[in-house]
Amino acid sequence: MNILILGGGGREHALAWAVMQNPKCDKLIVAPGNAGIAAIATCAKLDIEDGGAVAQFAEAEAIDMVIIGPEAPLAAGVADRLRDSGLLVFGPSQAAARLEASKSFTKEVCDAAHAPTAGYRHFTHLEEAKAHVRAEGAPIVVKADGLAAGKGVIIAETVAQAEAALDDMFGGEFGTAGAEVVIEEFMTGEEASFFVLVDGETVLPIGTAQDHKRIGDGDTGPNTGGMGAYSPAPVMTDDVTQKALEQIVRPTMVEMAKRGTPYQGVLYVGLMIEEGQPRLVEYNVRFGDPECQVLMMRLGAQALDLMHACADGRLDQAQVTWAEDHAMTVVLAANGYPGAYQKGTEILGLEAMASDSSHMVFHAGTKSEAGKLLANGGRVLNATARGASLQQARDRAYALVARVDWPDGVYRQDIGWRALNRD
């Protein structure tokens, strides 16, 4: 198979790595890719939100299947344009991608499906939103309705913080994503990520993970796109997983089909679990980043078979084979992230590192220039490792971190603390 992956972050490096393990992959192109991806696949300059341009490129390169990594091309309808061209596509339609592209739409679907989630109100005017916050009090959650690169969610501990967040959102900090907001009740419990594949009819669970959103140790500081993750998530017991499937995921998929927008692709189900009962935090219509990194380390070559079956409508014939293992990834970010940070700083030490089925440094925001590896984003590297236990995976991941020579990089030192404390 000739395969095209759209995207250029750590998630796409992990997807490319897994795809390349499978002998069914004859040719792999990643657009735009990054310096790490370029070491294992061909990278191409391409506007990945232009469905016509992607379709033309795919035809010229005799592509058989396209895997869409980020949410933006999905929200732009790229999957629809590619399917119209006769390509196999791993990723939902533009209409189905509204499950991530619009928080208020998701809430409407959950209401119709009777899927348990946080209480909420939807607002299009600043003063009405502020009045609601003052009436409800804090803590409270303020969300930009549209896509905000994983940063449009503010957990406000005071009314003043919530009002400031509303000022920022309606003031344009997140562009059009913040023109409307959803304000939710603050849910307590333990958060986890649950990943399923859906081909329009069949729902196939493929794994669980836990992310670390806050920038600082002890879950302090502002939210980020994610500073590390591990898989599996101990809080996702068989009972909790079954409840999430039967009470949240399957009813939502039935409701989407009723609306004439059946879902096809990976569905990232963000959950809050309290006393064994899951409630939906949010849906994402793509693999999480950095959760994808730990899932791909554990799935390996079978990831391509599963994505192919999903794109081809054959999930009822597929099954996931899990080893009794664990994986962890630690994000190295540019100093200052998620605020202002410097690009172009040099990274050393990666050349001599192990790269195998148990040790990988996935590139998230890097570029190669004049023979040097340079930081080119906020989240830059993902030190990822597998182990027989979470402790072993953690030890291996942090050993990789220690070998990275990048004085301008920062990272959390407590990834996995919740699960390790549980043990």
Protein backbone atom coordinates (compact mmCIF):
# COMPACT_ATOMS: atom_id res chain seq x y z
CA MET A 1 0.00 0.00 0.00
CA ASN A 2 1.04 3.57 -0.71
CA ILE A 3 0.06 5.70 2.28
CA LEU A 4 -0.13 9.44 2.88
CA ILE A 5 -0.24 10.83 6.44
CA LEU A 6 -1.31 14.44 6.90
CA GLY A 7 0.35 16.35 9.74
CA GLY A 8 3.73 17.21 11.14
CA GLY A 9 3.72 16.72 14.90
CA GLY A 10 4.59 14.07 17.45
CA ARG A 11 1.31 12.27 16.78
CA GLU A 12 2.16 11.96 13.08
CA HIS A 13 5.71 10.79 13.80
CA ALA A 14 4.26 8.05 16.01
CA LEU A 15 1.71 7.09 13.33
CA ALA A 16 4.44 7.02 10.68
CA TRP A 17 6.67 4.89 12.90
CA ALA A 18 3.88 2.35 13.51
CA VAL A 19 2.86 2.25 9.84
CA MET A 20 6.46 1.61 8.79
CA GLN A 21 6.58 -1.48 11.03
CA ASN A 22 3.96 -3.13 8.83
CA PRO A 23 5.21 -4.92 5.68
CA LYS A 24 1.97 -3.93 3.90
CA CYS A 25 3.31 -0.38 3.65
CA ASP A 26 5.18 -0.05 0.35
CA LYS A 27 5.55 3.75 0.33
CA LEU A 28 4.92 6.34 3.02
CA ILE A 29 4.68 10.10 2.49
CA VAL A 30 4.00 12.54 5.33
CA ALA A 31 2.93 16.13 4.68
CA PRO A 32 4.42 18.34 5.91
CA GLY A 33 6.30 16.09 8.37
CA ASN A 34 9.24 17.19 10.50
CA ALA A 35 12.93 16.41 10.94
CA GLY A 36 12.27 13.14 12.78
CA ILE A 37 9.71 11.92 10.27
CA ALA A 38 12.10 12.72 7.41
CA ALA A 39 14.45 10.04 8.76
CA ILE A 40 11.89 7.26 8.15
CA ALA A 41 9.58 8.55 5.39
CA THR A 42 9.34 11.02 2.52
CA CYS A 43 8.14 14.47 3.59
CA ALA A 44 6.19 16.72 1.24
CA LYS A 45 5.20 20.38 1.27
CA LEU A 46 1.44 20.49 0.98
CA ASP A 47 -1.45 22.61 2.26
CA ILE A 48 -3.15 19.87 4.24
CA GLU A 49 -6.34 21.92 4.72
CA ASP A 50 -6.84 22.21 0.94
CA GLY A 51 -8.77 19.06 0.02
CA GLY A 52 -8.36 19.62 -3.71
CA ALA A 53 -4.59 20.00 -3.44
CA VAL A 54 -4.33 16.88 -1.27
CA ALA A 55 -6.48 14.89 -3.72
CA GLN A 56 -4.32 15.96 -6.67
CA PHE A 57 -1.15 15.07 -4.79
CA ALA A 58 -2.56 11.68 -3.79
CA GLU A 59 -3.46 10.89 -7.39
CA ALA A 60 -0.01 11.92 -8.65
CA GLU A 61 1.69 9.72 -6.04
CA ALA A 62 -0.65 6.73 -6.56
CA ILE A 63 -1.76 6.86 -2.90
CA ASP A 64 -4.06 4.08 -1.71
CA MET A 65 -5.00 5.41 1.75
CA VAL A 66 -4.79 8.75 3.52
CA ILE A 67 -4.48 8.98 7.32
CA ILE A 68 -5.48 12.41 8.61
CA GLY A 69 -3.67 13.31 11.82
CA PRO A 70 -4.79 16.77 13.05
CA GLU A 71 -8.28 18.11 13.59
CA ALA A 72 -8.05 21.17 11.32
CA PRO A 73 -8.12 19.30 7.97
CA LEU A 74 -11.01 17.20 9.23
CA ALA A 75 -12.98 20.31 10.22
CA ALA A 76 -12.17 21.76 6.79
CA GLY A 77 -13.75 18.78 5.03
CA VAL A 78 -10.58 17.27 3.59
CA ALA A 79 -11.79 13.71 4.28
CA ASP A 80 -14.95 14.35 2.24
CA ARG A 81 -12.97 15.68 -0.73
CA LEU A 82 -10.64 12.67 -0.67
CA ARG A 83 -13.48 10.15 -0.46
CA ASP A 84 -15.14 11.88 -3.40
CA SER A 85 -11.92 11.12 -5.30
CA GLY A 86 -12.26 7.42 -4.52
CA LEU A 87 -9.55 7.24 -1.85
CA LEU A 88 -9.65 5.21 1.34
CA VAL A 89 -9.55 7.74 4.19
CA PHE A 90 -8.94 7.30 7.89
CA GLY A 91 -10.78 10.24 9.44
CA PRO A 92 -14.37 11.48 9.83
CA SER A 93 -16.38 13.67 7.49
CA GLN A 94 -16.63 17.42 8.06
CA ALA A 95 -20.13 16.98 9.48
CA ALA A 96 -19.02 14.27 11.90
CA ALA A 97 -15.91 16.26 12.85
CA ARG A 98 -18.22 18.80 14.50
CA LEU A 99 -17.98 16.54 17.55
CA GLU A 100 -14.68 18.33 18.14
CA ALA A 101 -15.09 21.48 16.09
CA SER A 102 -18.13 22.68 18.08
CA LYS A 103 -18.51 22.14 21.84
CA SER A 104 -22.16 23.22 21.71
CA PHE A 105 -22.93 20.72 18.94
CA THR A 106 -21.43 17.93 21.03
CA LYS A 107 -23.55 18.92 23.99
CA GLU A 108 -26.68 18.83 21.83
CA VAL A 109 -25.79 15.35 20.60
CA CYS A 110 -25.12 14.16 24.15
CA ASP A 111 -28.46 15.53 25.30
CA ALA A 112 -30.24 13.69 22.49
CA ALA A 113 -28.31 10.48 23.22
CA HIS A 114 -28.77 10.79 27.02
CA ALA A 115 -25.01 10.48 27.40
CA PRO A 116 -23.83 11.62 30.87
CA THR A 117 -21.74 14.79 30.71
CA ALA A 118 -21.28 18.06 32.59
CA GLY A 119 -24.13 20.51 32.91
CA TYR A 120 -23.63 23.46 30.57
CA ARG A 121 -24.85 26.67 28.95
CA HIS A 122 -23.98 28.02 25.51
CA PHE A 123 -23.35 31.77 25.02
CA THR A 124 -22.78 34.14 22.13
CA HIS A 125 -22.65 37.37 24.16
CA LEU A 126 -20.03 38.36 26.72
CA GLU A 127 -22.23 40.00 29.34
CA GLU A 128 -24.74 37.15 29.39
CA ALA A 129 -21.88 34.70 29.88
CA LYS A 130 -20.44 36.78 32.73
CA ALA A 131 -23.83 36.99 34.41
CA HIS A 132 -24.09 33.19 34.29
CA VAL A 133 -20.63 32.81 35.85
CA ARG A 134 -21.50 35.21 38.66
CA ALA A 135 -24.73 33.31 39.32
CA GLU A 136 -23.07 29.87 39.34
CA GLY A 137 -19.85 30.75 41.14
CA ALA A 138 -16.51 28.93 40.91
CA PRO A 139 -14.80 26.60 40.21
CA ILE A 140 -16.28 26.58 36.71
CA VAL A 141 -15.08 25.61 33.23
CA VAL A 142 -15.00 28.04 30.31
CA LYS A 143 -14.52 26.59 26.80
CA ALA A 144 -14.11 28.24 23.43
CA ASP A 145 -16.76 26.63 21.25
CA GLY A 146 -14.48 26.04 18.24
CA LEU A 147 -11.03 24.59 17.59
CA ALA A 148 -8.28 26.24 19.65
CA ALA A 149 -5.35 23.82 19.28
CA GLY A 150 -6.14 22.17 22.61
CA LYS A 151 -5.78 25.42 24.55
CA GLY A 152 -9.31 26.85 24.57
CA VAL A 153 -10.34 25.37 27.92
CA ILE A 154 -9.98 27.36 31.13
CA ILE A 155 -10.65 25.76 34.51
CA ALA A 156 -11.40 28.88 36.51
CA GLU A 157 -10.92 28.61 40.26
CA THR A 158 -12.48 32.02 40.88
CA VAL A 159 -15.21 34.09 39.27
CA ALA A 160 -12.61 36.70 38.39
CA GLN A 161 -10.57 34.11 36.47
CA ALA A 162 -13.67 32.97 34.60
CA GLU A 163 -14.56 36.55 33.65
CA ALA A 164 -10.99 37.18 32.48
CA ALA A 165 -11.17 34.03 30.34
CA LEU A 166 -14.42 35.23 28.81
CA ASP A 167 -12.87 38.63 28.07
CA ASP A 168 -10.00 36.88 26.30
CA MET A 169 -12.23 34.55 24.29
CA PHE A 170 -14.74 37.14 23.16
CA GLY A 171 -11.83 39.53 22.65
CA GLY A 172 -10.35 37.28 19.98
CA GLU A 173 -7.50 35.45 21.75
CA PHE A 174 -8.57 32.21 20.04
CA GLY A 175 -9.80 33.83 16.84
CA THR A 176 -13.21 32.72 15.64
CA ALA A 177 -13.04 29.68 17.97
CA GLY A 178 -13.92 31.96 20.89
CA ALA A 179 -16.76 33.85 19.21
CA GLU A 180 -19.07 31.47 21.08
CA VAL A 181 -18.42 29.79 24.42
CA VAL A 182 -19.69 26.87 26.43
CA ILE A 183 -19.64 27.22 30.22
CA GLU A 184 -19.74 23.95 32.13
CA GLU A 185 -20.00 22.77 35.68
CA PHE A 186 -16.67 21.75 37.19
CA MET A 187 -16.55 17.96 37.39
CA THR A 188 -14.51 16.21 40.05
CA GLY A 189 -12.86 12.83 39.74
CA GLU A 190 -10.03 11.28 37.72
CA GLU A 191 -9.66 12.07 34.04
CA ALA A 192 -8.77 9.47 31.41
CA SER A 193 -8.71 9.09 27.64
CA PHE A 194 -10.51 6.23 25.92
CA PHE A 195 -9.86 5.51 22.24
CA VAL A 196 -12.18 3.64 19.89
CA LEU A 197 -12.30 3.07 16.15
CA VAL A 198 -15.64 3.46 14.39
CA ASP A 199 -16.42 2.57 10.76
CA GLY A 200 -19.94 3.99 10.72
CA GLU A 201 -21.42 0.92 12.42
CA THR A 202 -18.91 -1.11 14.44
CA VAL A 203 -17.23 0.38 17.53
CA LEU A 204 -13.86 -1.18 18.42
CA PRO A 205 -12.02 -0.10 21.61
CA ILE A 206 -8.27 0.17 21.00
CA GLY A 207 -6.83 1.48 24.25
CA THR A 208 -6.77 3.89 27.18
CA ALA A 209 -4.33 6.54 28.34
CA GLN A 210 -3.92 9.41 30.77
CA ASP A 211 -2.54 12.78 29.73
CA HIS A 212 -0.92 15.52 31.83
CA LYS A 213 -2.30 18.85 30.62
CA ARG A 214 -0.73 21.29 33.08
CA ILE A 215 2.72 22.66 32.38
CA GLY A 216 4.12 22.13 35.89
CA ASP A 217 4.83 19.26 38.26
CA GLY A 218 1.94 18.43 40.56
CA ASP A 219 -0.52 19.50 37.84
CA THR A 220 0.20 23.19 38.36
CA GLY A 221 0.26 26.12 35.97
CA PRO A 222 -1.66 26.71 32.74
CA ASN A 223 -3.07 24.04 30.48
CA THR A 224 -1.02 22.92 27.49
CA GLY A 225 -1.52 20.59 24.55
CA GLY A 226 -0.18 17.84 26.85
CA MET A 227 3.14 17.35 28.68
CA GLY A 228 3.18 13.57 28.84
CA ALA A 229 1.01 10.47 28.88
CA TYR A 230 0.96 6.80 29.76
CA SER A 231 -1.04 3.75 28.72
CA PRO A 232 -3.02 1.89 29.90
CA ALA A 233 -4.96 4.04 32.38
CA PRO A 234 -5.59 2.04 35.61
CA VAL A 235 -8.79 3.99 36.35
CA MET A 236 -10.31 2.53 33.17
CA THR A 237 -11.30 -0.79 34.69
CA ASP A 238 -13.33 -3.29 32.67
CA ASP A 239 -16.49 -2.05 34.41
CA VAL A 240 -15.78 1.64 33.72
CA THR A 241 -14.83 0.85 30.12
CA GLN A 242 -18.09 -1.03 29.57
CA LYS A 243 -20.12 1.82 31.07
CA ALA A 244 -18.34 4.33 28.83
CA LEU A 245 -19.13 2.21 25.77
CA GLU A 246 -22.77 1.50 26.58
CA GLN A 247 -23.77 4.84 28.17
CA ILE A 248 -21.68 7.33 26.18
CA VAL A 249 -19.94 6.12 23.02
CA ARG A 250 -22.48 3.82 21.40
CA PRO A 251 -25.49 6.11 22.08
CA THR A 252 -23.53 9.00 20.56
CA MET A 253 -22.67 6.97 17.47
CA VAL A 254 -26.32 5.94 17.07
CA GLU A 255 -27.39 9.58 17.34
CA MET A 256 -24.80 10.65 14.75
CA ALA A 257 -26.09 8.01 12.33
CA LYS A 258 -29.68 9.18 12.93
CA ARG A 259 -28.59 12.68 11.90
CA GLY A 260 -27.25 11.35 8.62
CA THR A 261 -23.63 11.88 9.66
CA PRO A 262 -22.26 8.44 10.59
CA TYR A 263 -18.85 8.57 12.21
CA GLN A 264 -15.77 6.93 10.66
CA GLY A 265 -12.28 7.17 12.16
CA VAL A 266 -10.75 7.25 15.61
CA LEU A 267 -12.82 8.78 18.40
CA TYR A 268 -10.94 10.12 21.40
CA VAL A 269 -13.31 10.04 24.36
CA GLY A 270 -12.21 12.29 27.23
CA LEU A 271 -13.79 11.02 30.45
CA MET A 272 -14.09 12.08 34.07
CA ILE A 273 -14.51 9.10 36.39
CA GLU A 274 -15.87 9.43 39.91
CA GLU A 275 -16.92 6.49 42.08
CA GLY A 276 -16.78 4.18 39.07
CA GLN A 277 -19.11 6.31 36.93
CA PRO A 278 -17.74 7.92 33.74
CA ARG A 279 -19.00 11.22 32.36
CA LEU A 280 -17.95 12.77 29.07
CA VAL A 281 -15.53 15.70 29.23
CA GLU A 282 -15.14 16.08 25.47
CA TYR A 283 -14.82 14.26 22.19
CA ASN A 284 -11.87 14.68 19.85
CA VAL A 285 -12.06 13.34 16.31
CA ARG A 286 -8.40 12.30 16.03
CA PHE A 287 -5.73 10.65 18.12
CA GLY A 288 -4.63 12.68 21.12
CA ASP A 289 -1.16 14.13 21.21
CA PRO A 290 0.79 12.84 23.18
CA GLU A 291 -1.56 9.90 23.83
CA CYS A 292 -1.04 8.66 20.28
CA GLN A 293 2.64 8.16 21.01
CA VAL A 294 2.04 5.67 23.82
CA LEU A 295 -0.75 3.90 21.94
CA MET A 296 1.39 3.44 18.82
CA MET A 297 4.30 2.13 20.91
CA ARG A 298 1.98 -0.54 22.28
CA LEU A 299 0.08 -1.32 19.06
CA GLY A 300 3.04 -1.37 16.68
CA ALA A 301 2.51 -2.81 13.19
CA GLN A 302 -1.13 -3.80 13.80
CA ALA A 303 -2.06 -0.10 13.93
CA LEU A 304 -2.02 0.03 10.12
CA ASP A 305 -4.22 -3.08 9.83
CA LEU A 306 -6.73 -1.55 12.25
CA MET A 307 -6.82 1.83 10.51
CA HIS A 308 -7.17 0.10 7.12
CA ALA A 309 -10.09 -2.00 8.37
CA CYS A 310 -11.71 1.13 9.79
CA ALA A 311 -11.35 3.06 6.52
CA ASP A 312 -12.63 0.05 4.55
CA GLY A 313 -15.68 -0.64 6.73
CA ARG A 314 -14.35 -3.98 8.02
CA LEU A 315 -14.02 -3.34 11.75
CA ASP A 316 -16.43 -6.19 12.50
CA GLN A 317 -13.66 -8.51 11.29
CA ALA A 318 -10.84 -6.80 13.23
CA GLN A 319 -9.48 -7.36 16.70
CA VAL A 320 -6.79 -5.74 18.82
CA THR A 321 -3.96 -7.82 20.25
CA TRP A 322 -2.54 -6.26 23.39
CA ALA A 323 0.65 -7.27 25.11
CA GLU A 324 0.69 -7.06 28.90
CA ASP A 325 2.86 -3.96 28.72
CA HIS A 326 2.91 -0.27 29.54
CA ALA A 327 4.16 2.82 27.72
CA MET A 328 5.01 6.36 28.77
CA THR A 329 5.95 9.51 26.89
CA VAL A 330 7.54 12.65 28.35
CA VAL A 331 7.22 15.88 26.38
CA LEU A 332 10.22 18.19 26.10
CA ALA A 333 8.96 21.70 25.40
CA ALA A 334 10.61 25.00 24.58
CA ASN A 335 11.25 27.16 27.64
CA GLY A 336 8.32 29.56 28.03
CA TYR A 337 5.69 27.26 26.50
CA PRO A 338 2.64 27.55 26.52
CA GLY A 339 3.42 31.27 26.47
CA ALA A 340 6.07 32.97 24.36
CA TYR A 341 9.01 30.75 23.47
CA GLN A 342 12.04 30.89 21.20
CA LYS A 343 12.42 28.84 18.02
CA GLY A 344 15.67 27.82 16.38
CA THR A 345 17.63 26.55 19.40
CA GLU A 346 19.88 23.58 18.66
CA ILE A 347 19.20 20.07 19.98
CA LEU A 348 22.02 17.55 20.39
CA GLY A 349 22.35 14.01 21.67
CA LEU A 350 19.69 12.20 19.65
CA GLU A 351 22.00 10.51 17.14
CA ALA A 352 23.33 7.85 19.51
CA MET A 353 20.00 7.03 21.19
CA ALA A 354 18.29 3.68 20.91
CA SER A 355 15.39 3.58 18.46
CA ASP A 356 13.51 0.32 18.73
CA SER A 357 10.16 -1.16 19.79
CA SER A 358 10.81 -0.10 23.41
CA HIS A 359 12.62 3.23 23.00
CA MET A 360 11.73 6.11 20.65
CA VAL A 361 12.15 9.86 20.69
CA PHE A 362 9.31 11.13 18.52
CA HIS A 363 9.75 14.59 17.03
CA ALA A 364 6.91 17.07 17.51
CA GLY A 365 8.30 20.49 16.59
CA THR A 366 11.68 20.15 14.89
CA LYS A 367 13.40 21.08 11.66
CA SER A 368 16.76 20.30 10.08
CA GLU A 369 18.83 23.21 8.88
CA ALA A 370 22.45 23.24 7.71
CA GLY A 371 22.99 19.83 9.23
CA LYS A 372 21.65 20.87 12.64
CA LEU A 373 18.50 19.74 14.46
CA LEU A 374 16.57 22.81 15.63
CA ALA A 375 13.51 23.36 17.80
CA ASN A 376 10.61 24.61 15.71
CA GLY A 377 7.61 24.65 18.02
CA GLY A 378 6.30 24.73 21.58
CA ARG A 379 6.24 21.00 22.19
CA VAL A 380 9.39 19.70 20.53
CA LEU A 381 10.23 16.09 21.47
CA ASN A 382 8.45 13.08 22.97
CA ALA A 383 10.72 10.66 24.86
CA THR A 384 8.69 7.44 24.69
CA ALA A 385 9.31 3.98 26.09
CA ARG A 386 7.62 0.64 26.76
CA GLY A 387 8.12 -1.65 29.73
CA ALA A 388 6.71 -4.68 31.50
CA SER A 389 5.49 -2.28 34.22
CA LEU A 390 4.68 1.42 34.27
CA GLN A 391 7.70 1.99 36.51
CA GLN A 392 9.98 0.34 33.96
CA ALA A 393 8.44 2.37 31.13
CA ARG A 394 8.91 5.52 33.21
CA ASP A 395 12.55 4.73 34.00
CA ARG A 396 13.29 4.12 30.33
CA ALA A 397 11.49 7.28 29.17
CA TYR A 398 13.31 9.53 31.63
CA ALA A 399 16.61 7.86 30.73
CA LEU A 400 15.98 9.04 27.16
CA VAL A 401 15.17 12.54 28.43
CA ALA A 402 18.45 12.64 30.36
CA ARG A 403 20.41 12.00 27.16
CA VAL A 404 18.88 14.91 25.24
CA ASP A 405 21.34 17.82 25.14
CA TRP A 406 19.02 20.81 24.88
CA PRO A 407 19.50 23.52 27.54
CA ASP A 408 16.47 25.42 26.25
CA GLY A 409 14.12 22.48 26.83
CA VAL A 410 11.84 21.96 29.83
CA TYR A 411 9.82 18.95 30.94
CA ARG A 412 7.74 17.64 33.81
CA GLN A 413 9.48 15.25 36.16
CA ASP A 414 6.34 13.55 37.50
CA ILE A 415 4.63 11.98 34.48
CA GLY A 416 2.69 8.94 35.66
CA TRP A 417 2.53 10.06 39.29
CA ARG A 418 -1.15 9.25 39.73
CA ALA A 419 -0.91 5.67 38.51
CA LEU A 420 2.35 5.02 40.35
CA ASN A 421 0.89 6.39 43.58
CA ARG A 422 -2.12 4.13 43.06
CA ASP A 423 0.20 1.13 42.83
